[in-house]
Amino acid sequence: MTIDQSGLDVLTKQLWTLSRRRTETENLTQLLSGVGGWLKLNEAQWLNHYAARVNGSCIVEIGSYRGRSAIALAKDATVPVYCID
């Protein structure tokens, strides 16, 4: 099997993306450790993923409890995150 340069570029990009996701997951796991609450890690990852893509607005969370979801929302957000409990 041979891989041309464009195939190699795609593979390199996919590997970099996977590596970055693992690092992001580890960082989010560390941030959430010791914070009580019901939010599961996969739910926090989902919130973090989509919060990072919000632009030109803000994020408002109503009902923060202990802050697990607030951490996930704010970690990579590029807009203000307001949490109301």
C-alpha atoms as a PDB file:
ATOM      1  CA  MET A   1       0.000   0.000   0.000  1.00  0.00           C
ATOM      2  CA  THR A   2       1.326   3.421  -0.886  1.00  0.00           C
ATOM      3  CA  ILE A   3       0.200   6.783   0.420  1.00  0.00           C
ATOM      4  CA  ASP A   4       0.660   9.930  -1.634  1.00  0.00           C
ATOM      5  CA  GLN A   5       1.473  13.305  -0.064  1.00  0.00           C
ATOM      6  CA  SER A   6      -2.173  14.415   0.190  1.00  0.00           C
ATOM      7  CA  GLY A   7      -3.082  11.169   1.964  1.00  0.00           C
ATOM      8  CA  LEU A   8      -0.160  11.647   4.308  1.00  0.00           C
ATOM      9  CA  ASP A   9      -1.269  15.222   5.042  1.00  0.00           C
ATOM     10  CA  VAL A  10      -4.780  14.025   5.900  1.00  0.00           C
ATOM     11  CA  LEU A  11      -3.422  11.275   8.145  1.00  0.00           C
ATOM     12  CA  THR A  12      -1.081  13.714   9.914  1.00  0.00           C
ATOM     13  CA  LYS A  13      -3.967  16.123  10.527  1.00  0.00           C
ATOM     14  CA  GLN A  14      -6.165  13.324  11.913  1.00  0.00           C
ATOM     15  CA  LEU A  15      -3.425  12.141  14.271  1.00  0.00           C
ATOM     16  CA  TRP A  16      -2.789  15.705  15.471  1.00  0.00           C
ATOM     17  CA  THR A  17      -6.529  16.183  16.083  1.00  0.00           C
ATOM     18  CA  LEU A  18      -6.740  12.939  18.073  1.00  0.00           C
ATOM     19  CA  SER A  19      -3.689  13.896  20.114  1.00  0.00           C
ATOM     20  CA  ARG A  20      -5.133  17.345  20.834  1.00  0.00           C
ATOM     21  CA  ARG A  21      -8.491  15.876  21.885  1.00  0.00           C
ATOM     22  CA  ARG A  22      -6.730  13.547  24.316  1.00  0.00           C
ATOM     23  CA  THR A  23      -4.825  16.473  25.841  1.00  0.00           C
ATOM     24  CA  GLU A  24      -8.016  18.553  26.053  1.00  0.00           C
ATOM     25  CA  THR A  25      -9.840  15.652  27.715  1.00  0.00           C
ATOM     26  CA  GLU A  26      -7.026  15.203  30.239  1.00  0.00           C
ATOM     27  CA  ASN A  27      -7.034  18.947  31.017  1.00  0.00           C
ATOM     28  CA  LEU A  28     -10.813  18.992  31.448  1.00  0.00           C
ATOM     29  CA  THR A  29     -10.621  15.907  33.659  1.00  0.00           C
ATOM     30  CA  GLN A  30      -8.034  17.642  35.854  1.00  0.00           C
ATOM     31  CA  LEU A  31     -10.136  20.804  36.084  1.00  0.00           C
ATOM     32  CA  LEU A  32     -13.226  18.832  37.097  1.00  0.00           C
ATOM     33  CA  SER A  33     -11.501  16.591  39.631  1.00  0.00           C
ATOM     34  CA  GLY A  34     -12.562  17.436  43.139  1.00  0.00           C
ATOM     35  CA  VAL A  35     -15.606  19.432  41.976  1.00  0.00           C
ATOM     36  CA  GLY A  36     -18.823  17.771  43.055  1.00  0.00           C
ATOM     37  CA  GLY A  37     -21.872  17.496  40.872  1.00  0.00           C
ATOM     38  CA  TRP A  38     -23.751  15.233  38.504  1.00  0.00           C
ATOM     39  CA  LEU A  39     -22.203  16.237  35.178  1.00  0.00           C
ATOM     40  CA  LYS A  40     -20.426  13.275  33.569  1.00  0.00           C
ATOM     41  CA  LEU A  41     -17.124  13.688  31.730  1.00  0.00           C
ATOM     42  CA  ASN A  42     -18.615  12.963  28.295  1.00  0.00           C
ATOM     43  CA  GLU A  43     -21.306  15.596  28.933  1.00  0.00           C
ATOM     44  CA  ALA A  44     -18.628  18.093  29.998  1.00  0.00           C
ATOM     45  CA  GLN A  45     -16.683  17.348  26.818  1.00  0.00           C
ATOM     46  CA  TRP A  46     -19.811  18.003  24.725  1.00  0.00           C
ATOM     47  CA  LEU A  47     -20.462  21.319  26.495  1.00  0.00           C
ATOM     48  CA  ASN A  48     -16.831  22.347  26.116  1.00  0.00           C
ATOM     49  CA  HIS A  49     -16.765  21.421  22.431  1.00  0.00           C
ATOM     50  CA  TYR A  50     -19.809  23.504  21.521  1.00  0.00           C
ATOM     51  CA  ALA A  51     -19.102  26.403  23.891  1.00  0.00           C
ATOM     52  CA  ALA A  52     -15.736  26.884  22.155  1.00  0.00           C
ATOM     53  CA  ARG A  53     -17.590  27.441  18.877  1.00  0.00           C
ATOM     54  CA  VAL A  54     -19.886  30.233  20.087  1.00  0.00           C
ATOM     55  CA  ASN A  55     -18.822  33.611  18.741  1.00  0.00           C
ATOM     56  CA  GLY A  56     -20.189  37.130  18.693  1.00  0.00           C
ATOM     57  CA  SER A  57     -22.464  36.545  21.679  1.00  0.00           C
ATOM     58  CA  CYS A  58     -22.278  35.185  25.211  1.00  0.00           C
ATOM     59  CA  ILE A  59     -23.128  31.990  27.059  1.00  0.00           C
ATOM     60  CA  VAL A  60     -25.605  32.028  29.943  1.00  0.00           C
ATOM     61  CA  GLU A  61     -26.004  29.101  32.311  1.00  0.00           C
ATOM     62  CA  ILE A  62     -28.959  29.106  34.665  1.00  0.00           C
ATOM     63  CA  GLY A  63     -28.522  26.768  37.624  1.00  0.00           C
ATOM     64  CA  SER A  64     -24.843  26.114  38.325  1.00  0.00           C
ATOM     65  CA  TYR A  65     -25.023  23.868  41.415  1.00  0.00           C
ATOM     66  CA  ARG A  66     -21.321  23.253  42.126  1.00  0.00           C
ATOM     67  CA  GLY A  67     -19.860  24.545  38.865  1.00  0.00           C
ATOM     68  CA  ARG A  68     -18.875  21.448  36.855  1.00  0.00           C
ATOM     69  CA  SER A  69     -20.777  22.569  33.772  1.00  0.00           C
ATOM     70  CA  ALA A  70     -19.582  26.161  34.240  1.00  0.00           C
ATOM     71  CA  ILE A  71     -15.975  24.927  34.128  1.00  0.00           C
ATOM     72  CA  ALA A  72     -16.660  22.953  30.950  1.00  0.00           C
ATOM     73  CA  LEU A  73     -18.381  25.920  29.320  1.00  0.00           C
ATOM     74  CA  ALA A  74     -15.735  28.477  30.240  1.00  0.00           C
ATOM     75  CA  LYS A  75     -12.580  26.419  29.636  1.00  0.00           C
ATOM     76  CA  ASP A  76     -12.242  27.157  25.909  1.00  0.00           C
ATOM     77  CA  ALA A  77     -14.961  29.753  25.372  1.00  0.00           C
ATOM     78  CA  THR A  78     -13.989  32.865  23.456  1.00  0.00           C
ATOM     79  CA  VAL A  79     -17.051  34.796  24.654  1.00  0.00           C
ATOM     80  CA  PRO A  80     -18.145  35.778  28.179  1.00  0.00           C
ATOM     81  CA  VAL A  81     -19.799  33.024  30.222  1.00  0.00           C
ATOM     82  CA  TYR A  82     -22.385  34.124  32.800  1.00  0.00           C
ATOM     83  CA  CYS A  83     -23.554  31.633  35.414  1.00  0.00           C
ATOM     84  CA  ILE A  84     -26.669  32.304  37.464  1.00  0.00           C
ATOM     85  CA  ASP A  85     -27.476  30.033  40.369  1.00  0.00           C
END
